[in-house]
């Protein structure tokens, strides 16, 4: 076996246990931080209630605030533990899609080139959907594959699903 093959085999073994952990840690931090800001802040959802997609546009702004805040506080903890990872990922994806529609999508655009200007971190009148899109892409492998071996999901499945 060559040195390269041994090295790649070692990485494969290590990745089997921990490849999803950096995604879980990153996303848990980002979403929890957002939920914590809502927990310590005041509700500003009333100003954009009309921008919320169906069915959230039918709910009161206070309920949307509470749903978003608690989802961003509880679901990241589940990601961190690797417990109910697929459900937590799906919930955070819903929160993110609603946030893109209500806050990050440009108010007006007439061409794909104009829409592409919103693929930015800062809002200069064209939207700013780059970061939430990155979150969606990072959540996708956790939704499709789960948390991996270094998780409570894996431990529970090994313990009770024999």
N, C-alpha and C. Protein backbone atom coordinates (compact mmCIF):
# COMPACT_ATOMS: atom_id res chain seq x y z
N UNK A 1 0.84 -1.18 0.00
CA UNK A 1 0.00 0.00 0.00
C UNK A 1 0.89 1.25 0.00
N UNK A 2 0.54 2.18 -0.86
CA UNK A 2 1.35 3.40 -0.92
C UNK A 2 1.00 4.33 0.23
N UNK A 3 1.87 5.29 0.44
CA UNK A 3 1.64 6.28 1.49
C UNK A 3 0.35 7.06 1.22
N UNK A 4 0.13 7.39 -0.04
CA UNK A 4 -1.09 8.13 -0.40
C UNK A 4 -2.33 7.29 -0.10
N UNK A 5 -2.31 6.02 -0.46
CA UNK A 5 -3.45 5.14 -0.20
C UNK A 5 -3.72 5.01 1.29
N UNK A 6 -2.65 4.82 2.08
CA UNK A 6 -2.81 4.72 3.54
C UNK A 6 -3.39 6.01 4.11
N UNK A 7 -2.90 7.14 3.62
CA UNK A 7 -3.38 8.43 4.10
C UNK A 7 -4.86 8.60 3.76
N UNK A 8 -5.23 8.28 2.53
CA UNK A 8 -6.63 8.42 2.13
C UNK A 8 -7.53 7.45 2.89
N UNK A 9 -7.05 6.26 3.16
CA UNK A 9 -7.81 5.29 3.95
C UNK A 9 -8.04 5.81 5.37
N UNK A 10 -7.02 6.42 5.94
CA UNK A 10 -7.15 7.01 7.27
C UNK A 10 -8.18 8.13 7.25
N UNK A 11 -8.12 9.00 6.23
CA UNK A 11 -9.10 10.07 6.10
C UNK A 11 -10.51 9.51 5.93
N UNK A 12 -10.65 8.43 5.16
CA UNK A 12 -11.95 7.79 4.97
C UNK A 12 -12.52 7.30 6.29
N UNK A 13 -11.68 6.63 7.08
CA UNK A 13 -12.14 6.13 8.39
C UNK A 13 -12.54 7.27 9.31
N UNK A 14 -11.72 8.30 9.35
CA UNK A 14 -12.01 9.47 10.18
C UNK A 14 -13.27 10.18 9.69
N UNK A 15 -13.42 10.30 8.38
CA UNK A 15 -14.59 10.97 7.80
C UNK A 15 -15.88 10.23 8.06
N UNK A 16 -15.82 8.91 8.14
CA UNK A 16 -17.02 8.13 8.45
C UNK A 16 -17.60 8.53 9.80
N UNK A 17 -16.74 8.86 10.72
CA UNK A 17 -17.18 9.24 12.06
C UNK A 17 -17.49 10.73 12.19
N UNK A 18 -16.81 11.57 11.46
CA UNK A 18 -16.87 12.99 11.82
C UNK A 18 -17.11 13.96 10.67
N UNK A 19 -17.35 13.50 9.46
CA UNK A 19 -17.46 14.42 8.32
C UNK A 19 -18.59 15.43 8.48
N UNK A 20 -19.68 15.03 9.10
CA UNK A 20 -20.83 15.94 9.23
C UNK A 20 -20.71 16.86 10.44
N UNK A 21 -19.80 16.56 11.35
CA UNK A 21 -19.68 17.37 12.57
C UNK A 21 -19.37 18.84 12.30
N UNK A 22 -18.45 19.20 11.41
CA UNK A 22 -18.23 20.63 11.17
C UNK A 22 -19.47 21.36 10.67
N UNK A 23 -20.25 20.73 9.80
CA UNK A 23 -21.51 21.33 9.35
C UNK A 23 -22.46 21.54 10.52
N UNK A 24 -22.58 20.53 11.35
CA UNK A 24 -23.50 20.63 12.49
C UNK A 24 -23.07 21.74 13.44
N UNK A 25 -21.77 21.84 13.72
CA UNK A 25 -21.27 22.88 14.63
C UNK A 25 -21.47 24.27 14.03
N UNK A 26 -21.12 24.44 12.78
CA UNK A 26 -21.27 25.72 12.10
C UNK A 26 -22.73 26.17 12.08
N UNK A 27 -23.61 25.29 11.64
CA UNK A 27 -25.03 25.66 11.52
C UNK A 27 -25.67 25.87 12.89
N UNK A 28 -25.30 25.04 13.86
CA UNK A 28 -25.85 25.22 15.20
C UNK A 28 -25.47 26.60 15.74
N UNK A 29 -24.22 26.99 15.57
CA UNK A 29 -23.78 28.30 16.05
C UNK A 29 -24.55 29.43 15.35
N UNK A 30 -24.61 29.38 14.03
CA UNK A 30 -25.23 30.45 13.26
C UNK A 30 -26.71 30.61 13.60
N UNK A 31 -27.44 29.51 13.64
CA UNK A 31 -28.87 29.61 13.91
C UNK A 31 -29.15 29.94 15.38
N UNK A 32 -28.39 29.35 16.29
CA UNK A 32 -28.60 29.67 17.70
C UNK A 32 -28.34 31.15 17.97
N UNK A 33 -27.30 31.68 17.36
CA UNK A 33 -26.97 33.09 17.53
C UNK A 33 -28.13 33.98 17.06
N UNK A 34 -28.74 33.61 15.95
CA UNK A 34 -29.88 34.37 15.44
C UNK A 34 -31.08 34.26 16.39
N UNK A 35 -31.33 33.06 16.90
CA UNK A 35 -32.42 32.89 17.87
C UNK A 35 -32.17 33.64 19.15
N UNK A 36 -30.91 33.66 19.60
CA UNK A 36 -30.55 34.38 20.83
C UNK A 36 -30.76 35.88 20.66
N UNK A 37 -30.43 36.41 19.49
CA UNK A 37 -30.68 37.82 19.22
C UNK A 37 -32.17 38.13 19.28
N UNK A 38 -33.00 37.23 18.73
CA UNK A 38 -34.44 37.43 18.81
C UNK A 38 -34.92 37.35 20.25
N UNK A 39 -34.39 36.39 21.01
CA UNK A 39 -34.78 36.21 22.41
C UNK A 39 -34.50 37.48 23.22
N UNK A 40 -33.38 38.13 22.94
CA UNK A 40 -32.98 39.33 23.68
C UNK A 40 -33.41 40.63 23.00
N UNK A 41 -34.07 40.54 21.87
CA UNK A 41 -34.45 41.73 21.13
C UNK A 41 -35.95 41.95 21.14
N UNK A 42 -36.37 42.88 20.32
CA UNK A 42 -37.80 43.15 20.20
C UNK A 42 -38.28 42.74 18.81
N UNK A 43 -39.54 42.41 18.73
CA UNK A 43 -40.14 41.88 17.52
C UNK A 43 -40.21 42.94 16.42
N UNK A 44 -39.53 42.69 15.31
CA UNK A 44 -39.57 43.58 14.16
C UNK A 44 -40.29 42.93 12.98
N UNK A 45 -40.94 41.78 13.22
CA UNK A 45 -41.63 41.07 12.14
C UNK A 45 -42.87 41.81 11.64
N UNK A 46 -43.49 42.62 12.48
CA UNK A 46 -44.71 43.33 12.05
C UNK A 46 -44.44 44.19 10.82
N UNK A 47 -43.24 44.73 10.72
CA UNK A 47 -42.88 45.59 9.59
C UNK A 47 -42.83 44.83 8.27
N UNK A 48 -42.63 43.51 8.32
CA UNK A 48 -42.53 42.75 7.07
C UNK A 48 -43.50 41.60 6.97
N UNK A 49 -44.53 41.62 7.76
CA UNK A 49 -45.52 40.55 7.77
C UNK A 49 -46.07 40.27 6.37
N UNK A 50 -46.26 41.31 5.58
CA UNK A 50 -46.80 41.14 4.22
C UNK A 50 -45.84 40.38 3.31
N UNK A 51 -44.57 40.36 3.63
CA UNK A 51 -43.57 39.67 2.81
C UNK A 51 -43.47 38.18 3.12
N UNK A 52 -44.05 37.73 4.23
CA UNK A 52 -43.96 36.33 4.60
C UNK A 52 -44.73 35.48 3.59
N UNK A 53 -44.18 34.33 3.20
CA UNK A 53 -44.89 33.44 2.27
C UNK A 53 -46.04 32.72 2.98
N UNK A 54 -46.98 32.21 2.19
CA UNK A 54 -48.08 31.41 2.72
C UNK A 54 -47.51 30.17 3.37
N UNK A 55 -47.99 29.72 4.48
CA UNK A 55 -49.10 30.17 5.31
C UNK A 55 -48.67 31.16 6.41
N UNK A 56 -47.38 31.50 6.45
CA UNK A 56 -46.88 32.34 7.53
C UNK A 56 -47.42 33.77 7.44
N UNK A 57 -47.81 34.19 6.24
CA UNK A 57 -48.39 35.53 6.10
C UNK A 57 -49.77 35.62 6.75
N UNK A 58 -50.39 34.48 7.04
CA UNK A 58 -51.70 34.46 7.68
C UNK A 58 -51.60 34.48 9.21
N UNK A 59 -50.42 34.20 9.72
CA UNK A 59 -50.22 34.15 11.17
C UNK A 59 -49.89 35.54 11.71
N UNK A 60 -50.23 35.79 12.97
CA UNK A 60 -49.85 37.08 13.56
C UNK A 60 -48.33 37.21 13.65
N UNK A 61 -47.84 38.43 13.54
CA UNK A 61 -46.39 38.69 13.59
C UNK A 61 -45.78 38.16 14.88
N UNK A 62 -46.48 38.28 15.98
CA UNK A 62 -45.95 37.80 17.27
C UNK A 62 -45.76 36.28 17.24
N UNK A 63 -46.71 35.56 16.66
CA UNK A 63 -46.58 34.11 16.57
C UNK A 63 -45.42 33.73 15.65
N UNK A 64 -45.28 34.42 14.51
CA UNK A 64 -44.14 34.16 13.63
C UNK A 64 -42.82 34.42 14.34
N UNK A 65 -42.77 35.47 15.13
CA UNK A 65 -41.56 35.80 15.90
C UNK A 65 -41.23 34.66 16.86
N UNK A 66 -42.23 34.21 17.60
CA UNK A 66 -42.02 33.13 18.57
C UNK A 66 -41.62 31.83 17.88
N UNK A 67 -42.29 31.49 16.79
CA UNK A 67 -41.95 30.27 16.05
C UNK A 67 -40.50 30.32 15.56
N UNK A 68 -40.13 31.45 14.98
CA UNK A 68 -38.78 31.61 14.46
C UNK A 68 -37.75 31.55 15.59
N UNK A 69 -38.01 32.30 16.66
CA UNK A 69 -37.07 32.36 17.77
C UNK A 69 -36.85 30.98 18.39
N UNK A 70 -37.94 30.28 18.70
CA UNK A 70 -37.79 28.98 19.36
C UNK A 70 -37.21 27.93 18.42
N UNK A 71 -37.55 28.01 17.13
CA UNK A 71 -36.93 27.09 16.17
C UNK A 71 -35.43 27.33 16.10
N UNK A 72 -35.02 28.61 16.16
CA UNK A 72 -33.59 28.94 16.08
C UNK A 72 -32.86 28.72 17.40
N UNK A 73 -33.57 28.47 18.46
CA UNK A 73 -32.93 28.13 19.74
C UNK A 73 -32.89 26.62 19.97
N UNK A 74 -33.97 25.92 19.64
CA UNK A 74 -34.07 24.49 19.94
C UNK A 74 -33.46 23.61 18.85
N UNK A 75 -33.76 23.90 17.59
CA UNK A 75 -33.28 23.04 16.51
C UNK A 75 -31.75 23.02 16.39
N UNK A 76 -31.06 24.14 16.62
CA UNK A 76 -29.58 24.07 16.61
C UNK A 76 -29.02 23.17 17.71
N UNK A 77 -29.68 23.14 18.86
CA UNK A 77 -29.22 22.25 19.93
C UNK A 77 -29.37 20.79 19.50
N UNK A 78 -30.45 20.49 18.79
CA UNK A 78 -30.63 19.14 18.26
C UNK A 78 -29.54 18.82 17.24
N UNK A 79 -29.21 19.79 16.38
CA UNK A 79 -28.11 19.58 15.42
C UNK A 79 -26.81 19.30 16.14
N UNK A 80 -26.55 20.08 17.16
CA UNK A 80 -25.31 19.93 17.93
C UNK A 80 -25.18 18.51 18.50
N UNK A 81 -26.29 18.01 19.04
CA UNK A 81 -26.30 16.67 19.62
C UNK A 81 -26.41 15.57 18.57
N UNK A 82 -26.83 15.94 17.37
CA UNK A 82 -27.08 14.93 16.35
C UNK A 82 -28.31 14.12 16.72
N UNK A 83 -29.32 14.79 17.23
CA UNK A 83 -30.56 14.15 17.66
C UNK A 83 -31.71 14.69 16.81
N UNK A 84 -32.37 13.81 16.07
CA UNK A 84 -33.42 14.26 15.17
C UNK A 84 -32.86 15.20 14.12
N UNK A 85 -31.69 14.87 13.63
CA UNK A 85 -30.94 15.75 12.75
C UNK A 85 -31.70 16.08 11.47
N UNK A 86 -32.32 15.09 10.88
CA UNK A 86 -33.04 15.34 9.63
C UNK A 86 -34.24 16.25 9.86
N UNK A 87 -34.97 16.02 10.93
CA UNK A 87 -36.12 16.87 11.26
C UNK A 87 -35.65 18.29 11.60
N UNK A 88 -34.58 18.41 12.39
CA UNK A 88 -34.03 19.72 12.74
C UNK A 88 -33.55 20.46 11.49
N UNK A 89 -32.91 19.74 10.58
CA UNK A 89 -32.44 20.36 9.33
C UNK A 89 -33.62 20.85 8.50
N UNK A 90 -34.66 20.05 8.40
CA UNK A 90 -35.84 20.45 7.65
C UNK A 90 -36.48 21.70 8.26
N UNK A 91 -36.60 21.71 9.58
CA UNK A 91 -37.17 22.87 10.25
C UNK A 91 -36.36 24.14 10.01
N UNK A 92 -35.04 24.01 10.08
CA UNK A 92 -34.18 25.18 9.84
C UNK A 92 -34.21 25.60 8.37
N UNK A 93 -34.43 24.65 7.48
CA UNK A 93 -34.57 25.00 6.07
C UNK A 93 -35.85 25.81 5.85
N UNK A 94 -36.92 25.42 6.51
CA UNK A 94 -38.18 26.18 6.41
C UNK A 94 -37.97 27.60 6.94
N UNK A 95 -37.34 27.73 8.10
CA UNK A 95 -37.05 29.05 8.67
C UNK A 95 -36.24 29.88 7.68
N UNK A 96 -35.27 29.27 7.04
CA UNK A 96 -34.40 29.97 6.11
C UNK A 96 -35.13 30.40 4.85
N UNK A 97 -35.97 29.54 4.31
CA UNK A 97 -36.74 29.90 3.11
C UNK A 97 -37.69 31.05 3.43
N UNK A 98 -38.33 31.01 4.58
CA UNK A 98 -39.21 32.12 4.99
C UNK A 98 -38.40 33.40 5.14
N UNK A 99 -37.21 33.31 5.74
CA UNK A 99 -36.36 34.48 5.90
C UNK A 99 -35.92 35.04 4.55
N UNK A 100 -35.59 34.17 3.61
CA UNK A 100 -35.21 34.65 2.28
C UNK A 100 -36.38 35.40 1.65
N UNK A 101 -37.58 34.81 1.71
CA UNK A 101 -38.74 35.44 1.10
C UNK A 101 -39.10 36.76 1.78
N UNK A 102 -39.03 36.80 3.10
CA UNK A 102 -39.50 37.97 3.84
C UNK A 102 -38.45 39.08 3.96
N UNK A 103 -37.17 38.71 4.03
CA UNK A 103 -36.14 39.70 4.36
C UNK A 103 -35.08 39.83 3.27
N UNK A 104 -34.62 38.73 2.73
CA UNK A 104 -33.40 38.73 1.93
C UNK A 104 -33.61 38.84 0.42
N UNK A 105 -34.81 38.54 -0.05
CA UNK A 105 -35.06 38.58 -1.49
C UNK A 105 -35.24 40.03 -1.93
N UNK A 106 -34.75 40.39 -3.11
CA UNK A 106 -34.92 41.78 -3.56
C UNK A 106 -36.40 42.12 -3.74
N UNK A 107 -36.76 43.33 -3.37
CA UNK A 107 -38.15 43.76 -3.49
C UNK A 107 -38.59 43.82 -4.95
N UNK A 108 -37.71 44.29 -5.82
CA UNK A 108 -38.03 44.42 -7.24
C UNK A 108 -36.82 43.98 -8.07
N UNK A 109 -37.10 43.20 -9.09
CA UNK A 109 -36.06 42.84 -10.05
C UNK A 109 -36.73 42.52 -11.37
N UNK A 110 -36.05 42.83 -12.44
CA UNK A 110 -36.66 42.65 -13.76
C UNK A 110 -35.87 41.74 -14.69
N UNK A 111 -34.68 41.32 -14.25
CA UNK A 111 -33.88 40.41 -15.07
C UNK A 111 -33.05 39.51 -14.16
N UNK A 112 -32.57 38.42 -14.71
CA UNK A 112 -31.72 37.52 -13.92
C UNK A 112 -30.42 38.22 -13.52
N UNK A 113 -29.92 39.09 -14.37
CA UNK A 113 -28.70 39.84 -14.03
C UNK A 113 -28.96 40.74 -12.82
N UNK A 114 -30.13 41.36 -12.77
CA UNK A 114 -30.48 42.20 -11.64
C UNK A 114 -30.68 41.36 -10.38
N UNK A 115 -31.34 40.20 -10.53
CA UNK A 115 -31.53 39.30 -9.40
C UNK A 115 -30.19 38.82 -8.87
N UNK A 116 -29.25 38.53 -9.76
CA UNK A 116 -27.93 38.04 -9.34
C UNK A 116 -27.18 39.04 -8.48
N UNK A 117 -27.52 40.31 -8.57
CA UNK A 117 -26.88 41.31 -7.72
C UNK A 117 -27.25 41.10 -6.25
N UNK A 118 -28.34 40.40 -6.00
CA UNK A 118 -28.74 40.10 -4.63
C UNK A 118 -27.96 38.96 -4.01
N UNK A 119 -27.15 38.28 -4.84
CA UNK A 119 -26.30 37.22 -4.31
C UNK A 119 -25.10 37.90 -3.66
N UNK A 120 -25.38 38.50 -2.49
CA UNK A 120 -24.38 39.29 -1.78
C UNK A 120 -24.64 39.16 -0.28
N UNK A 121 -23.65 39.52 0.50
CA UNK A 121 -23.80 39.49 1.96
C UNK A 121 -24.41 40.80 2.46
N UNK A 122 -24.14 41.90 1.80
CA UNK A 122 -24.69 43.19 2.22
C UNK A 122 -25.79 43.61 1.27
N UNK A 123 -26.77 44.30 1.80
CA UNK A 123 -27.90 44.76 1.00
C UNK A 123 -27.63 46.17 0.49
N UNK A 124 -27.58 46.29 -0.82
CA UNK A 124 -27.42 47.61 -1.43
C UNK A 124 -28.58 47.84 -2.39
N UNK A 125 -29.78 47.44 -1.96
CA UNK A 125 -30.98 47.63 -2.76
C UNK A 125 -31.32 46.47 -3.67
N UNK A 126 -30.53 45.41 -3.66
CA UNK A 126 -30.78 44.29 -4.56
C UNK A 126 -31.08 42.99 -3.81
N UNK A 127 -31.31 43.05 -2.51
CA UNK A 127 -31.47 41.85 -1.71
C UNK A 127 -30.13 41.41 -1.18
N UNK A 128 -30.13 40.36 -0.40
CA UNK A 128 -28.89 39.81 0.16
C UNK A 128 -29.12 38.36 0.56
N UNK A 129 -29.33 37.52 -0.43
CA UNK A 129 -29.69 36.13 -0.16
C UNK A 129 -28.52 35.15 -0.21
N UNK A 130 -27.30 35.63 -0.29
CA UNK A 130 -26.14 34.73 -0.39
C UNK A 130 -25.97 33.89 0.87
N UNK A 131 -25.93 34.51 2.03
CA UNK A 131 -25.70 33.77 3.27
C UNK A 131 -26.82 32.77 3.58
N UNK A 132 -28.10 33.15 3.47
CA UNK A 132 -29.13 32.14 3.71
C UNK A 132 -29.09 31.00 2.69
N UNK A 133 -28.67 31.30 1.47
CA UNK A 133 -28.54 30.23 0.47
C UNK A 133 -27.41 29.27 0.87
N UNK A 134 -26.32 29.82 1.41
CA UNK A 134 -25.23 28.98 1.91
C UNK A 134 -25.76 28.07 3.03
N UNK A 135 -26.58 28.62 3.91
CA UNK A 135 -27.16 27.80 5.00
C UNK A 135 -28.01 26.67 4.43
N UNK A 136 -28.81 26.96 3.42
CA UNK A 136 -29.64 25.91 2.81
C UNK A 136 -28.78 24.80 2.22
N UNK A 137 -27.73 25.19 1.51
CA UNK A 137 -26.84 24.19 0.90
C UNK A 137 -26.14 23.37 1.98
N UNK A 138 -25.75 24.00 3.08
CA UNK A 138 -25.08 23.28 4.18
C UNK A 138 -26.04 22.37 4.92
N UNK A 139 -27.31 22.73 4.99
CA UNK A 139 -28.31 21.89 5.67
C UNK A 139 -28.70 20.68 4.83
N UNK A 140 -28.58 20.78 3.52
CA UNK A 140 -29.03 19.71 2.63
C UNK A 140 -28.38 18.35 2.91
N UNK A 141 -27.06 18.25 3.06
CA UNK A 141 -26.48 16.93 3.36
C UNK A 141 -26.97 16.36 4.70
N UNK A 142 -27.22 17.22 5.67
CA UNK A 142 -27.72 16.74 6.96
C UNK A 142 -29.15 16.23 6.82
N UNK A 143 -29.94 16.88 5.98
CA UNK A 143 -31.30 16.40 5.71
C UNK A 143 -31.27 15.06 4.99
N UNK A 144 -30.42 14.94 3.98
CA UNK A 144 -30.39 13.74 3.15
C UNK A 144 -29.68 12.56 3.80
N UNK A 145 -28.61 12.83 4.54
CA UNK A 145 -27.78 11.76 5.08
C UNK A 145 -27.89 11.59 6.59
N UNK A 146 -28.31 12.61 7.29
CA UNK A 146 -28.35 12.54 8.74
C UNK A 146 -27.05 13.04 9.34
N UNK A 147 -26.89 12.80 10.62
CA UNK A 147 -25.77 13.38 11.38
C UNK A 147 -24.49 12.56 11.32
N UNK A 148 -24.52 11.37 10.81
CA UNK A 148 -23.31 10.55 10.79
C UNK A 148 -23.14 9.76 12.10
N UNK A 149 -22.00 9.12 12.22
CA UNK A 149 -21.78 8.22 13.35
C UNK A 149 -21.56 8.92 14.68
N UNK A 150 -21.03 10.12 14.66
CA UNK A 150 -20.75 10.84 15.89
C UNK A 150 -21.99 11.66 16.28
N UNK A 151 -23.06 10.94 16.63
CA UNK A 151 -24.33 11.59 16.92
C UNK A 151 -25.20 10.70 17.80
N UNK A 152 -26.15 11.33 18.45
CA UNK A 152 -27.12 10.56 19.22
C UNK A 152 -28.04 9.76 18.30
N UNK A 153 -28.32 10.29 17.11
CA UNK A 153 -29.13 9.53 16.14
C UNK A 153 -28.50 8.17 15.86
N UNK A 154 -27.19 8.16 15.61
CA UNK A 154 -26.49 6.91 15.31
C UNK A 154 -26.50 5.99 16.52
N UNK A 155 -26.24 6.55 17.70
CA UNK A 155 -26.21 5.73 18.92
C UNK A 155 -27.58 5.11 19.19
N UNK A 156 -28.64 5.92 19.06
CA UNK A 156 -30.00 5.40 19.30
C UNK A 156 -30.38 4.34 18.28
N UNK A 157 -30.02 4.57 17.01
CA UNK A 157 -30.32 3.58 15.97
C UNK A 157 -29.57 2.28 16.24
N UNK A 158 -28.30 2.37 16.65
CA UNK A 158 -27.52 1.16 16.94
C UNK A 158 -28.07 0.43 18.17
N UNK A 159 -28.53 1.19 19.13
CA UNK A 159 -29.01 0.61 20.40
C UNK A 159 -30.38 -0.04 20.27
N UNK A 160 -31.30 0.61 19.53
CA UNK A 160 -32.69 0.17 19.54
C UNK A 160 -33.19 -0.42 18.23
N UNK A 161 -32.46 -0.32 17.16
CA UNK A 161 -32.93 -0.81 15.85
C UNK A 161 -32.08 -1.96 15.36
N UNK A 162 -31.93 -2.97 16.17
CA UNK A 162 -31.11 -4.13 15.78
C UNK A 162 -31.95 -5.18 15.14
